[in-house]
C-alpha atoms as a PDB file:
ATOM      1  CA  MET A   1      87.831  57.858 -85.177  1.00  0.00           C
ATOM      2  CA  ILE A   2      91.521  57.500 -85.983  1.00  0.00           C
ATOM      3  CA  ASP A   3      92.642  54.995 -88.595  1.00  0.00           C
ATOM      4  CA  LEU A   4      96.299  54.336 -87.862  1.00  0.00           C
ATOM      5  CA  ARG A   5      98.462  53.135 -90.716  1.00  0.00           C
ATOM      6  CA  ILE A   6     101.677  51.795 -89.231  1.00  0.00           C
ATOM      7  CA  MET A   7     104.623  51.310 -91.508  1.00  0.00           C
ATOM      8  CA  ASN A   8     105.364  47.606 -91.813  1.00  0.00           C
ATOM      9  CA  ASP A   9     108.623  46.252 -93.198  1.00  0.00           C
ATOM     10  CA  LEU A  10     108.142  42.656 -92.086  1.00  0.00           C
ATOM     11  CA  ALA A  11     106.241  39.699 -93.473  1.00  0.00           C
ATOM     12  CA  ASP A  12     102.442  39.768 -93.341  1.00  0.00           C
ATOM     13  CA  ASP A  13     102.276  37.343 -90.416  1.00  0.00           C
ATOM     14  CA  GLU A  14     104.634  39.372 -88.228  1.00  0.00           C
ATOM     15  CA  GLU A  15     104.020  42.374 -86.016  1.00  0.00           C
ATOM     16  CA  PRO A  16     104.346  45.875 -87.508  1.00  0.00           C
ATOM     17  CA  ALA A  17     107.990  46.790 -87.837  1.00  0.00           C
ATOM     18  CA  VAL A  18     107.411  50.115 -86.206  1.00  0.00           C
ATOM     19  CA  LEU A  19     107.049  48.162 -82.970  1.00  0.00           C
ATOM     20  CA  GLU A  20     109.503  45.355 -83.540  1.00  0.00           C
ATOM     21  CA  ASN A  21     112.390  45.902 -85.935  1.00  0.00           C
ATOM     22  CA  PHE A  22     115.005  48.570 -85.500  1.00  0.00           C
ATOM     23  CA  ALA A  23     118.728  49.039 -85.971  1.00  0.00           C
ATOM     24  CA  ARG A  24     120.999  46.379 -84.603  1.00  0.00           C
ATOM     25  CA  GLY A  25     122.759  47.580 -81.468  1.00  0.00           C
ATOM     26  CA  ILE A  26     119.763  49.550 -80.167  1.00  0.00           C
ATOM     27  CA  GLY A  27     117.991  46.382 -79.042  1.00  0.00           C
ATOM     28  CA  LYS A  28     120.831  45.423 -76.714  1.00  0.00           C
ATOM     29  CA  VAL A  29     120.662  48.568 -74.668  1.00  0.00           C
ATOM     30  CA  ASP A  30     117.887  47.747 -72.193  1.00  0.00           C
ATOM     31  CA  ARG A  31     119.494  44.401 -71.403  1.00  0.00           C
ATOM     32  CA  LEU A  32     122.861  46.059 -70.927  1.00  0.00           C
ATOM     33  CA  PHE A  33     121.495  48.632 -68.500  1.00  0.00           C
ATOM     34  CA  ASP A  34     119.785  45.820 -66.562  1.00  0.00           C
ATOM     35  CA  SER A  35     123.051  43.894 -66.333  1.00  0.00           C
ATOM     36  CA  VAL A  36     124.964  46.954 -65.192  1.00  0.00           C
ATOM     37  CA  ALA A  37     122.362  47.667 -62.513  1.00  0.00           C
ATOM     38  CA  LYS A  38     122.419  44.089 -61.230  1.00  0.00           C
ATOM     39  CA  ALA A  39     126.211  44.191 -61.011  1.00  0.00           C
ATOM     40  CA  LYS A  40     125.899  47.439 -59.016  1.00  0.00           C
ATOM     41  CA  LEU A  41     128.241  49.217 -61.424  1.00  0.00           C
ATOM     42  CA  PHE A  42     128.046  52.841 -62.390  1.00  0.00           C
ATOM     43  CA  CYS A  43     127.646  53.563 -66.063  1.00  0.00           C
ATOM     44  CA  GLN A  44     127.807  56.475 -68.456  1.00  0.00           C
ATOM     45  CA  THR A  45     126.558  56.701 -72.022  1.00  0.00           C
ATOM     46  CA  HIS A  46     128.888  58.311 -74.523  1.00  0.00           C
ATOM     47  CA  GLY A  47     126.484  60.259 -76.706  1.00  0.00           C
ATOM     48  CA  ARG A  48     122.967  58.960 -77.110  1.00  0.00           C
ATOM     49  CA  VAL A  49     122.618  55.219 -77.317  1.00  0.00           C
ATOM     50  CA  ALA A  50     119.447  55.735 -79.354  1.00  0.00           C
ATOM     51  CA  HIS A  51     117.846  58.721 -81.022  1.00  0.00           C
ATOM     52  CA  GLY A  52     114.692  60.304 -79.688  1.00  0.00           C
ATOM     53  CA  VAL A  53     115.387  60.080 -75.971  1.00  0.00           C
ATOM     54  CA  ASP A  54     115.348  63.359 -74.064  1.00  0.00           C
ATOM     55  CA  ALA A  55     118.633  63.978 -72.281  1.00  0.00           C
ATOM     56  CA  ALA A  56     116.762  64.250 -68.980  1.00  0.00           C
ATOM     57  CA  CYS A  57     115.356  60.760 -69.482  1.00  0.00           C
ATOM     58  CA  ALA A  58     118.669  59.091 -70.296  1.00  0.00           C
ATOM     59  CA  PRO A  59     120.602  57.324 -67.525  1.00  0.00           C
ATOM     60  CA  HIS A  60     123.668  59.226 -66.321  1.00  0.00           C
ATOM     61  CA  PHE A  61     125.928  57.288 -63.984  1.00  0.00           C
ATOM     62  CA  PHE A  62     129.692  57.451 -63.857  1.00  0.00           C
ATOM     63  CA  ASP A  63     133.145  55.892 -63.488  1.00  0.00           C
ATOM     64  CA  ASP A  64     133.079  52.127 -64.120  1.00  0.00           C
ATOM     65  CA  VAL A  65     131.272  51.387 -67.386  1.00  0.00           C
ATOM     66  CA  VAL A  66     130.839  53.405 -70.576  1.00  0.00           C
ATOM     67  CA  ILE A  67     128.280  52.280 -73.143  1.00  0.00           C
ATOM     68  CA  VAL A  68     129.242  53.205 -76.705  1.00  0.00           C
ATOM     69  CA  PRO A  69     126.155  53.955 -78.861  1.00  0.00           C
ATOM     70  CA  ALA A  70     124.986  52.125 -81.969  1.00  0.00           C
ATOM     71  CA  PHE A  71     126.708  54.553 -84.332  1.00  0.00           C
ATOM     72  CA  GLY A  72     130.064  54.043 -82.611  1.00  0.00           C
ATOM     73  CA  THR A  73     132.612  56.587 -81.504  1.00  0.00           C
ATOM     74  CA  GLU A  74     135.899  58.058 -82.667  1.00  0.00           C
ATOM     75  CA  LEU A  75     139.099  56.129 -81.955  1.00  0.00           C
ATOM     76  CA  SER A  76     140.564  59.029 -79.974  1.00  0.00           C
ATOM     77  CA  ILE A  77     137.559  59.116 -77.638  1.00  0.00           C
ATOM     78  CA  GLN A  78     137.613  55.335 -77.286  1.00  0.00           C
ATOM     79  CA  GLN A  79     141.262  55.537 -76.237  1.00  0.00           C
ATOM     80  CA  GLN A  80     140.471  58.242 -73.672  1.00  0.00           C
ATOM     81  CA  ILE A  81     137.825  55.973 -72.152  1.00  0.00           C
ATOM     82  CA  LYS A  82     140.319  53.109 -71.931  1.00  0.00           C
ATOM     83  CA  ASP A  83     142.988  55.383 -70.436  1.00  0.00           C
ATOM     84  CA  ARG A  84     140.569  56.269 -67.630  1.00  0.00           C
ATOM     85  CA  GLY A  85     140.282  52.593 -66.786  1.00  0.00           C
ATOM     86  CA  CYS A  86     136.631  52.288 -67.755  1.00  0.00           C
ATOM     87  CA  GLN A  87     135.061  49.110 -69.023  1.00  0.00           C
ATOM     88  CA  ILE A  88     133.566  49.638 -72.497  1.00  0.00           C
ATOM     89  CA  VAL A  89     130.253  48.061 -73.444  1.00  0.00           C
ATOM     90  CA  ASP A  90     130.096  48.419 -77.208  1.00  0.00           C
ATOM     91  CA  THR A  91     126.642  48.499 -78.856  1.00  0.00           C
ATOM     92  CA  THR A  92     127.985  49.604 -82.251  1.00  0.00           C
ATOM     93  CA  CYS A  93     125.803  48.334 -85.107  1.00  0.00           C
ATOM     94  CA  GLY A  94     127.306  45.558 -87.223  1.00  0.00           C
ATOM     95  CA  ASP A  95     126.586  47.527 -90.396  1.00  0.00           C
ATOM     96  CA  VAL A  96     128.628  50.452 -89.060  1.00  0.00           C
ATOM     97  CA  MET A  97     131.528  48.151 -88.241  1.00  0.00           C
ATOM     98  CA  SER A  98     131.388  46.818 -91.817  1.00  0.00           C
ATOM     99  CA  VAL A  99     131.986  50.364 -93.040  1.00  0.00           C
ATOM    100  CA  TRP A 100     134.941  50.712 -90.673  1.00  0.00           C
ATOM    101  CA  LYS A 101     136.455  47.522 -92.037  1.00  0.00           C
ATOM    102  CA  ARG A 102     136.042  48.836 -95.563  1.00  0.00           C
ATOM    103  CA  VAL A 103     137.641  52.261 -94.982  1.00  0.00           C
ATOM    104  CA  ARG A 104     140.538  50.678 -93.091  1.00  0.00           C
ATOM    105  CA  LYS A 105     141.104  48.489 -96.149  1.00  0.00           C
ATOM    106  CA  TYR A 106     141.014  51.564 -98.385  1.00  0.00           C
ATOM    107  CA  ALA A 107     143.665  53.194 -96.190  1.00  0.00           C
ATOM    108  CA  SER A 108     145.881  50.095 -96.300  1.00  0.00           C
ATOM    109  CA  GLU A 109     145.735  50.259-100.113  1.00  0.00           C
ATOM    110  CA  SER A 110     146.513  54.012-100.180  1.00  0.00           C
ATOM    111  CA  ALA A 111     142.993  54.786-101.396  1.00  0.00           C
ATOM    112  CA  THR A 112     141.283  57.904-100.064  1.00  0.00           C
ATOM    113  CA  SER A 113     137.813  57.362 -98.591  1.00  0.00           C
ATOM    114  CA  ILE A 114     135.097  59.570-100.070  1.00  0.00           C
ATOM    115  CA  ILE A 115     132.455  59.294 -97.365  1.00  0.00           C
ATOM    116  CA  HIS A 116     128.839  60.140 -98.169  1.00  0.00           C
ATOM    117  CA  GLY A 117     127.390  61.528 -94.955  1.00  0.00           C
ATOM    118  CA  LYS A 118     127.194  64.426 -92.538  1.00  0.00           C
ATOM    119  CA  ALA A 119     130.675  65.454 -91.387  1.00  0.00           C
ATOM    120  CA  GLU A 120     129.363  66.465 -87.955  1.00  0.00           C
ATOM    121  CA  HIS A 121     127.377  63.249 -87.367  1.00  0.00           C
ATOM    122  CA  GLU A 122     128.767  60.914 -84.694  1.00  0.00           C
ATOM    123  CA  GLU A 123     128.807  57.926 -87.040  1.00  0.00           C
ATOM    124  CA  THR A 124     130.651  59.777 -89.797  1.00  0.00           C
ATOM    125  CA  LYS A 125     133.203  61.114 -87.324  1.00  0.00           C
ATOM    126  CA  ALA A 126     133.752  57.570 -86.064  1.00  0.00           C
ATOM    127  CA  THR A 127     134.145  56.286 -89.628  1.00  0.00           C
ATOM    128  CA  SER A 128     136.484  59.140 -90.553  1.00  0.00           C
ATOM    129  CA  SER A 129     138.788  58.233 -87.672  1.00  0.00           C
ATOM    130  CA  ARG A 130     139.040  54.663 -89.039  1.00  0.00           C
ATOM    131  CA  ALA A 131     139.682  55.968 -92.570  1.00  0.00           C
ATOM    132  CA  LEU A 132     143.039  57.291 -91.328  1.00  0.00           C
ATOM    133  CA  GLY A 133     144.196  53.687 -90.986  1.00  0.00           C
ATOM    134  CA  ASP A 134     147.641  53.610 -89.371  1.00  0.00           C
ATOM    135  CA  GLY A 135     147.812  57.386 -89.741  1.00  0.00           C
ATOM    136  CA  SER A 136     148.645  57.592 -93.429  1.00  0.00           C
ATOM    137  CA  GLY A 137     145.069  57.315 -94.742  1.00  0.00           C
ATOM    138  CA  HIS A 138     142.882  60.176 -95.934  1.00  0.00           C
ATOM    139  CA  TYR A 139     139.211  61.019 -96.368  1.00  0.00           C
ATOM    140  CA  VAL A 140     136.832  63.712 -97.575  1.00  0.00           C
ATOM    141  CA  VAL A 141     133.147  63.845 -96.613  1.00  0.00           C
ATOM    142  CA  VAL A 142     130.477  64.799 -99.158  1.00  0.00           C
ATOM    143  CA  LEU A 143     126.907  65.470 -98.063  1.00  0.00           C
ATOM    144  CA  THR A 144     125.122  66.490-101.257  1.00  0.00           C
ATOM    145  CA  LEU A 145     125.340  65.678-104.938  1.00  0.00           C
ATOM    146  CA  GLU A 146     126.580  69.235-105.403  1.00  0.00           C
ATOM    147  CA  ASP A 147     129.505  68.392-103.092  1.00  0.00           C
ATOM    148  CA  THR A 148     130.057  65.222-105.095  1.00  0.00           C
ATOM    149  CA  ASP A 149     130.122  67.094-108.403  1.00  0.00           C
ATOM    150  CA  TYR A 150     132.685  69.531-106.978  1.00  0.00           C
ATOM    151  CA  VAL A 151     134.959  66.615-106.025  1.00  0.00           C
ATOM    152  CA  CYS A 152     134.354  64.908-109.365  1.00  0.00           C
ATOM    153  CA  ASP A 153     135.229  68.056-111.296  1.00  0.00           C
ATOM    154  CA  TYR A 154     138.473  68.296-109.338  1.00  0.00           C
ATOM    155  CA  ILE A 155     139.231  64.634-110.052  1.00  0.00           C
ATOM    156  CA  THR A 156     138.727  65.172-113.769  1.00  0.00           C
ATOM    157  CA  HIS A 157     140.093  68.675-114.331  1.00  0.00           C
ATOM    158  CA  GLY A 158     141.989  69.705-111.189  1.00  0.00           C
ATOM    159  CA  GLY A 159     141.384  73.142-109.728  1.00  0.00           C
ATOM    160  CA  ASP A 160     142.138  75.577-106.932  1.00  0.00           C
ATOM    161  CA  LYS A 161     143.464  73.507-104.040  1.00  0.00           C
ATOM    162  CA  HIS A 162     142.907  76.234-101.451  1.00  0.00           C
ATOM    163  CA  ALA A 163     139.295  76.730-102.592  1.00  0.00           C
ATOM    164  CA  PHE A 164     138.742  72.963-102.329  1.00  0.00           C
ATOM    165  CA  LEU A 165     140.120  72.790 -98.795  1.00  0.00           C
ATOM    166  CA  GLU A 166     138.051  75.793 -97.746  1.00  0.00           C
ATOM    167  CA  LYS A 167     134.857  74.294 -99.168  1.00  0.00           C
ATOM    168  CA  PHE A 168     135.425  71.034 -97.279  1.00  0.00           C
ATOM    169  CA  LYS A 169     136.815  72.628 -94.136  1.00  0.00           C
ATOM    170  CA  GLY A 170     136.099  70.324 -91.219  1.00  0.00           C
ATOM    171  CA  ALA A 171     135.201  67.525 -93.644  1.00  0.00           C
ATOM    172  CA  HIS A 172     138.600  66.200 -94.692  1.00  0.00           C
ATOM    173  CA  SER A 173     141.558  64.482 -93.076  1.00  0.00           C
ATOM    174  CA  PRO A 174     144.552  66.389 -91.682  1.00  0.00           C
ATOM    175  CA  GLY A 175     147.086  67.094 -94.420  1.00  0.00           C
ATOM    176  CA  PHE A 176     144.612  66.294 -97.179  1.00  0.00           C
ATOM    177  CA  ASP A 177     145.869  67.394-100.606  1.00  0.00           C
ATOM    178  CA  PRO A 178     143.314  67.032-103.424  1.00  0.00           C
ATOM    179  CA  ASP A 179     146.105  67.091-106.008  1.00  0.00           C
ATOM    180  CA  VAL A 180     147.596  63.969-104.432  1.00  0.00           C
ATOM    181  CA  HIS A 181     144.882  62.164-102.511  1.00  0.00           C
ATOM    182  CA  LEU A 182     142.167  61.941-105.187  1.00  0.00           C
ATOM    183  CA  GLN A 183     144.227  59.699-107.451  1.00  0.00           C
ATOM    184  CA  THR A 184     142.895  56.463-105.944  1.00  0.00           C
ATOM    185  CA  VAL A 185     139.582  56.603-104.096  1.00  0.00           C
ATOM    186  CA  GLY A 186     136.973  54.390-102.512  1.00  0.00           C
ATOM    187  CA  VAL A 187     133.392  55.386-101.697  1.00  0.00           C
ATOM    188  CA  ALA A 188     131.874  54.607 -98.300  1.00  0.00           C
ATOM    189  CA  ASN A 189     128.917  56.096 -96.494  1.00  0.00           C
ATOM    190  CA  GLN A 190     127.156  56.906 -93.270  1.00  0.00           C
ATOM    191  CA  THR A 191     124.897  53.856 -93.067  1.00  0.00           C
ATOM    192  CA  THR A 192     121.719  55.896 -92.592  1.00  0.00           C
ATOM    193  CA  MET A 193     121.913  57.881 -95.825  1.00  0.00           C
ATOM    194  CA  LEU A 194     119.403  57.288 -98.624  1.00  0.00           C
ATOM    195  CA  ARG A 195     120.543  54.317-100.702  1.00  0.00           C
ATOM    196  CA  GLY A 196     119.654  56.040-103.969  1.00  0.00           C
ATOM    197  CA  GLU A 197     121.786  59.070-103.100  1.00  0.00           C
ATOM    198  CA  THR A 198     124.793  56.963-102.097  1.00  0.00           C
ATOM    199  CA  GLU A 199     124.494  54.958-105.306  1.00  0.00           C
ATOM    200  CA  GLU A 200     124.417  58.209-107.285  1.00  0.00           C
ATOM    201  CA  VAL A 201     127.539  59.434-105.448  1.00  0.00           C
ATOM    202  CA  GLN A 202     129.221  56.178-106.388  1.00  0.00           C
ATOM    203  CA  ARG A 203     128.196  56.464-110.054  1.00  0.00           C
ATOM    204  CA  ARG A 204     129.400  60.056-110.358  1.00  0.00           C
ATOM    205  CA  VAL A 205     132.754  59.404-108.704  1.00  0.00           C
ATOM    206  CA  ARG A 206     133.331  56.315-110.814  1.00  0.00           C
ATOM    207  CA  ARG A 207     132.467  58.245-113.973  1.00  0.00           C
ATOM    208  CA  ALA A 208     134.978  60.952-113.038  1.00  0.00           C
ATOM    209  CA  ILE A 209     137.731  58.372-112.498  1.00  0.00           C
ATOM    210  CA  VAL A 210     136.917  56.684-115.820  1.00  0.00           C
ATOM    211  CA  ASP A 211     136.942  60.045-117.619  1.00  0.00           C
ATOM    212  CA  ARG A 212     140.365  60.831-116.161  1.00  0.00           C
ATOM    213  CA  ASP A 213     142.061  57.418-116.314  1.00  0.00           C
ATOM    214  CA  GLY A 214     140.112  55.332-118.836  1.00  0.00           C
ATOM    215  CA  PRO A 215     138.110  52.181-118.040  1.00  0.00           C
ATOM    216  CA  GLU A 216     141.036  49.829-117.485  1.00  0.00           C
ATOM    217  CA  LEU A 217     143.002  51.972-115.026  1.00  0.00           C
ATOM    218  CA  ALA A 218     139.773  53.045-113.320  1.00  0.00           C
ATOM    219  CA  GLU A 219     139.320  49.456-112.113  1.00  0.00           C
ATOM    220  CA  LYS A 220     142.435  49.988-110.017  1.00  0.00           C
ATOM    221  CA  ASN A 221     141.760  53.566-108.923  1.00  0.00           C
ATOM    222  CA  PHE A 222     138.118  53.273-107.860  1.00  0.00           C
ATOM    223  CA  ARG A 223     136.519  51.058-105.188  1.00  0.00           C
ATOM    224  CA  PHE A 224     132.988  50.802-103.789  1.00  0.00           C
ATOM    225  CA  PHE A 225     131.166  48.729-101.215  1.00  0.00           C
ATOM    226  CA  ASP A 226     127.441  48.776-100.358  1.00  0.00           C
ATOM    227  CA  THR A 227     127.254  49.787 -96.693  1.00  0.00           C
ATOM    228  CA  ILE A 228     123.667  51.016 -96.272  1.00  0.00           C
ATOM    229  CA  CYS A 229     122.140  49.839 -92.979  1.00  0.00           C
ATOM    230  CA  GLY A 230     119.603  47.066 -93.648  1.00  0.00           C
ATOM    231  CA  ALA A 231     117.086  48.367 -91.107  1.00  0.00           C
ATOM    232  CA  THR A 232     117.346  51.862 -92.602  1.00  0.00           C
ATOM    233  CA  GLN A 233     116.681  50.589 -96.108  1.00  0.00           C
ATOM    234  CA  GLU A 234     113.735  48.487 -94.948  1.00  0.00           C
ATOM    235  CA  ARG A 235     112.157  51.562 -93.344  1.00  0.00           C
ATOM    236  CA  GLN A 236     112.588  53.610 -96.492  1.00  0.00           C
ATOM    237  CA  ASP A 237     111.109  50.849 -98.687  1.00  0.00           C
ATOM    238  CA  ALA A 238     108.178  50.336 -96.333  1.00  0.00           C
ATOM    239  CA  LEU A 239     107.423  54.062 -96.175  1.00  0.00           C
ATOM    240  CA  ARG A 240     107.317  54.236 -99.975  1.00  0.00           C
ATOM    241  CA  GLU A 241     104.570  51.597 -99.850  1.00  0.00           C
ATOM    242  CA  LEU A 242     102.731  53.395 -97.055  1.00  0.00           C
ATOM    243  CA  LEU A 243     102.753  56.658 -99.004  1.00  0.00           C
ATOM    244  CA  ASN A 244     100.686  54.980-101.707  1.00  0.00           C
ATOM    245  CA  VAL A 245      97.807  54.861 -99.199  1.00  0.00           C
ATOM    246  CA  SER A 246      95.501  57.867 -98.947  1.00  0.00           C
ATOM    247  CA  MET A 247      96.222  59.506 -95.575  1.00  0.00           C
ATOM    248  CA  ASP A 248      95.497  62.824 -93.876  1.00  0.00           C
ATOM    249  CA  LEU A 249      98.917  63.214 -92.277  1.00  0.00           C
ATOM    250  CA  LEU A 250     102.097  61.392 -91.346  1.00  0.00           C
ATOM    251  CA  LEU A 251     103.895  61.323 -87.987  1.00  0.00           C
ATOM    252  CA  VAL A 252     107.620  60.544 -88.047  1.00  0.00           C
ATOM    253  CA  VAL A 253     109.048  59.681 -84.623  1.00  0.00           C
ATOM    254  CA  GLY A 254     112.725  59.911 -83.750  1.00  0.00           C
ATOM    255  CA  GLY A 255     115.707  62.036 -82.855  1.00  0.00           C
ATOM    256  CA  TYR A 256     116.110  65.337 -84.650  1.00  0.00           C
ATOM    257  CA  ASN A 257     119.797  64.588 -85.213  1.00  0.00           C
ATOM    258  CA  SER A 258     119.038  61.170 -86.715  1.00  0.00           C
ATOM    259  CA  SER A 259     119.853  61.051 -90.411  1.00  0.00           C
ATOM    260  CA  ASN A 260     117.713  58.026 -91.199  1.00  0.00           C
ATOM    261  CA  THR A 261     114.697  59.582 -89.455  1.00  0.00           C
ATOM    262  CA  SER A 262     115.232  62.898 -91.241  1.00  0.00           C
ATOM    263  CA  HIS A 263     115.191  61.094 -94.568  1.00  0.00           C
ATOM    264  CA  LEU A 264     111.834  59.519 -93.693  1.00  0.00           C
ATOM    265  CA  ALA A 265     110.449  62.973 -92.891  1.00  0.00           C
ATOM    266  CA  GLU A 266     111.748  64.294 -96.220  1.00  0.00           C
ATOM    267  CA  MET A 267     110.008  61.451 -98.051  1.00  0.00           C
ATOM    268  CA  GLY A 268     106.734  62.193 -96.248  1.00  0.00           C
ATOM    269  CA  GLU A 269     106.882  65.933 -96.883  1.00  0.00           C
ATOM    270  CA  GLU A 270     106.898  65.306-100.619  1.00  0.00           C
ATOM    271  CA  LYS A 271     103.469  63.666-100.395  1.00  0.00           C
ATOM    272  CA  LEU A 272     101.377  64.991 -97.479  1.00  0.00           C
ATOM    273  CA  PRO A 273     101.435  67.018 -94.228  1.00  0.00           C
ATOM    274  CA  THR A 274     104.243  65.486 -92.172  1.00  0.00           C
ATOM    275  CA  TYR A 275     105.189  66.131 -88.553  1.00  0.00           C
ATOM    276  CA  PHE A 276     108.649  65.045 -87.371  1.00  0.00           C
ATOM    277  CA  VAL A 277     108.334  64.624 -83.585  1.00  0.00           C
ATOM    278  CA  LEU A 278     110.900  63.663 -80.978  1.00  0.00           C
ATOM    279  CA  ASN A 279     108.447  61.684 -78.851  1.00  0.00           C
ATOM    280  CA  ALA A 280     104.894  61.638 -77.480  1.00  0.00           C
ATOM    281  CA  SER A 281     105.422  64.772 -75.388  1.00  0.00           C
ATOM    282  CA  ARG A 282     105.487  66.834 -78.593  1.00  0.00           C
ATOM    283  CA  LEU A 283     101.825  66.011 -79.257  1.00  0.00           C
ATOM    284  CA  VAL A 284     100.769  68.786 -76.879  1.00  0.00           C
ATOM    285  CA  SER A 285      97.049  68.757 -77.675  1.00  0.00           C
ATOM    286  CA  ALA A 286      94.631  68.098 -80.505  1.00  0.00           C
ATOM    287  CA  THR A 287      95.295  71.663 -81.666  1.00  0.00           C
ATOM    288  CA  GLU A 288      99.020  72.031 -80.953  1.00  0.00           C
ATOM    289  CA  ILE A 289     102.070  70.001 -81.942  1.00  0.00           C
ATOM    290  CA  LYS A 290     105.783  70.659 -81.565  1.00  0.00           C
ATOM    291  CA  HIS A 291     107.797  69.277 -84.437  1.00  0.00           C
ATOM    292  CA  TYR A 292     111.122  69.682 -86.184  1.00  0.00           C
ATOM    293  CA  ASN A 293     111.285  71.855 -89.286  1.00  0.00           C
ATOM    294  CA  LEU A 294     113.964  70.323 -91.520  1.00  0.00           C
ATOM    295  CA  HIS A 295     114.384  73.513 -93.528  1.00  0.00           C
ATOM    296  CA  GLU A 296     114.720  75.873 -90.572  1.00  0.00           C
ATOM    297  CA  LYS A 297     116.645  73.245 -88.574  1.00  0.00           C
ATOM    298  CA  ARG A 298     114.716  73.932 -85.382  1.00  0.00           C
ATOM    299  CA  GLU A 299     111.674  72.778 -83.460  1.00  0.00           C
ATOM    300  CA  VAL A 300     108.537  74.764 -84.285  1.00  0.00           C
ATOM    301  CA  VAL A 301     104.917  74.805 -83.122  1.00  0.00           C
ATOM    302  CA  SER A 302     101.971  74.173 -85.438  1.00  0.00           C
ATOM    303  CA  HIS A 303      98.288  74.498 -84.614  1.00  0.00           C
ATOM    304  CA  PHE A 304      95.150  72.653 -85.703  1.00  0.00           C
ATOM    305  CA  TRP A 305      97.243  69.772 -86.996  1.00  0.00           C
ATOM    306  CA  LEU A 306      94.838  66.973 -86.077  1.00  0.00           C
ATOM    307  CA  PRO A 307      91.633  66.840 -88.169  1.00  0.00           C
ATOM    308  CA  ASN A 308      88.394  67.137 -86.195  1.00  0.00           C
ATOM    309  CA  GLY A 309      86.557  64.289 -87.889  1.00  0.00           C
ATOM    310  CA  PRO A 310      87.634  60.807 -88.920  1.00  0.00           C
ATOM    311  CA  ALA A 311      91.299  60.769 -89.894  1.00  0.00           C
ATOM    312  CA  VAL A 312      93.753  58.373 -91.480  1.00  0.00           C
ATOM    313  CA  ILE A 313      97.159  58.882 -89.848  1.00  0.00           C
ATOM    314  CA  GLY A 314     100.382  57.232 -90.909  1.00  0.00           C
ATOM    315  CA  ILE A 315     103.082  56.560 -88.336  1.00  0.00           C
ATOM    316  CA  THR A 316     106.695  55.638 -88.991  1.00  0.00           C
ATOM    317  CA  ALA A 317     109.926  55.915 -87.046  1.00  0.00           C
ATOM    318  CA  GLY A 318     113.647  55.894 -87.618  1.00  0.00           C
ATOM    319  CA  ALA A 319     115.576  52.650 -87.383  1.00  0.00           C
ATOM    320  CA  SER A 320     117.349  54.070 -84.328  1.00  0.00           C
ATOM    321  CA  CYS A 321     114.160  54.985 -82.439  1.00  0.00           C
ATOM    322  CA  PRO A 322     113.419  52.810 -79.367  1.00  0.00           C
ATOM    323  CA  ASN A 323     110.137  50.880 -79.361  1.00  0.00           C
ATOM    324  CA  ASN A 324     108.778  52.496 -76.206  1.00  0.00           C
ATOM    325  CA  LEU A 325     108.881  55.974 -77.771  1.00  0.00           C
ATOM    326  CA  ILE A 326     106.827  54.779 -80.704  1.00  0.00           C
ATOM    327  CA  GLU A 327     104.314  53.034 -78.450  1.00  0.00           C
ATOM    328  CA  GLU A 328     103.939  56.148 -76.287  1.00  0.00           C
ATOM    329  CA  THR A 329     103.261  58.246 -79.398  1.00  0.00           C
ATOM    330  CA  LEU A 330     100.538  55.833 -80.498  1.00  0.00           C
ATOM    331  CA  ILE A 331      98.945  55.951 -77.060  1.00  0.00           C
ATOM    332  CA  ARG A 332      99.106  59.748 -77.018  1.00  0.00           C
ATOM    333  CA  LEU A 333      97.255  59.902 -80.336  1.00  0.00           C
ATOM    334  CA  PHE A 334      94.390  57.894 -78.882  1.00  0.00           C
ATOM    335  CA  GLU A 335      94.374  60.021 -75.729  1.00  0.00           C
ATOM    336  CA  LEU A 336      93.900  63.126 -77.855  1.00  0.00           C
ATOM    337  CA  ARG A 337      90.687  61.521 -79.104  1.00  0.00           C
ATOM    338  CA  GLY A 338      89.445  60.673 -75.624  1.00  0.00           C
ATOM    339  CA  ILE A 339      90.624  57.055 -75.468  1.00  0.00           C
ATOM    340  CA  SER A 340      92.675  56.464 -72.321  1.00  0.00           C
ATOM    341  CA  ARG A 341      95.666  54.212 -71.852  1.00  0.00           C
ATOM    342  CA  ARG A 342      93.491  52.065 -69.583  1.00  0.00           C
ATOM    343  CA  ASP A 343      90.874  51.672 -72.318  1.00  0.00           C
ATOM    344  CA  LEU A 344      93.581  50.553 -74.753  1.00  0.00           C
ATOM    345  CA  GLU A 345      94.953  48.039 -72.272  1.00  0.00           C
ATOM    346  CA  LEU A 346      91.498  46.567 -71.714  1.00  0.00           C
ATOM    347  CA  ALA A 347      90.887  46.340 -75.452  1.00  0.00           C
ATOM    348  CA  ALA A 348      94.231  44.641 -76.121  1.00  0.00           C
END
């Protein structure tokens, strides 16, 4: 027997969110591909439209249409696509575009964007390109609270400029000068970061500005806007509730490079055995599972992961994970206990 506990972030009379509610932008993709096919156009995805899809499974056509993924793309790449004469189908999430609007405003007001996120993540790179504004804007990306404290200490006390630039190499704007560009700042974030962490980044940066400038001037030199993705926050809140239930293990489904999915896996690991899987294919057998190790940053193999007797298994997925991948993982779980897809269809 398997007792499946599916994370639910919707009202009681709605279907489990793990099957229905995910990041805006992702839901458009199937319809877009259908439209492209009907129009007999060729299409290419720039990056992955959604996390968790194997590259071999993703459509790869060329020349006429380029679909921009939910986390957006850098302005320079967008211009290259236009220069090639391609039609752009933009599935960028509305929450991401809200961040872009905010950092462009910071740039227009000569405020440097302190972006909480992963510098190498597609969304953060897209946001960073908007933070340049008309070319005169600046940004620095902080991932951890340790990074934040380093920036805050520099704001308050100054420091070694060369050491600062080396520490944030690849995570700041061209020509960034911490002695000049940390005078007026605004905090933004990659929309899939943990809300609590982003709020703590905001509090620490604000405190540093107040300590340096005093409360009155700090109102002018510090800005903040809540830009956490709604679907991401709902998943995190729902998982906190799910973790109050006694379970044997938790499966987290989604792309290994997905920040919001990684955060869910981190939350699970604090409470119980947690397996972060790309899709159903990683559930190799009842005794073998391939899953991503967040600490080693690679996919590993574990054995004897599924209990022999009755088990209570929690399942959640990132906001950017397509519904079909979640459904296939559920079906695979039942198959590992001898219940076929056909049996499930008949029972539905």
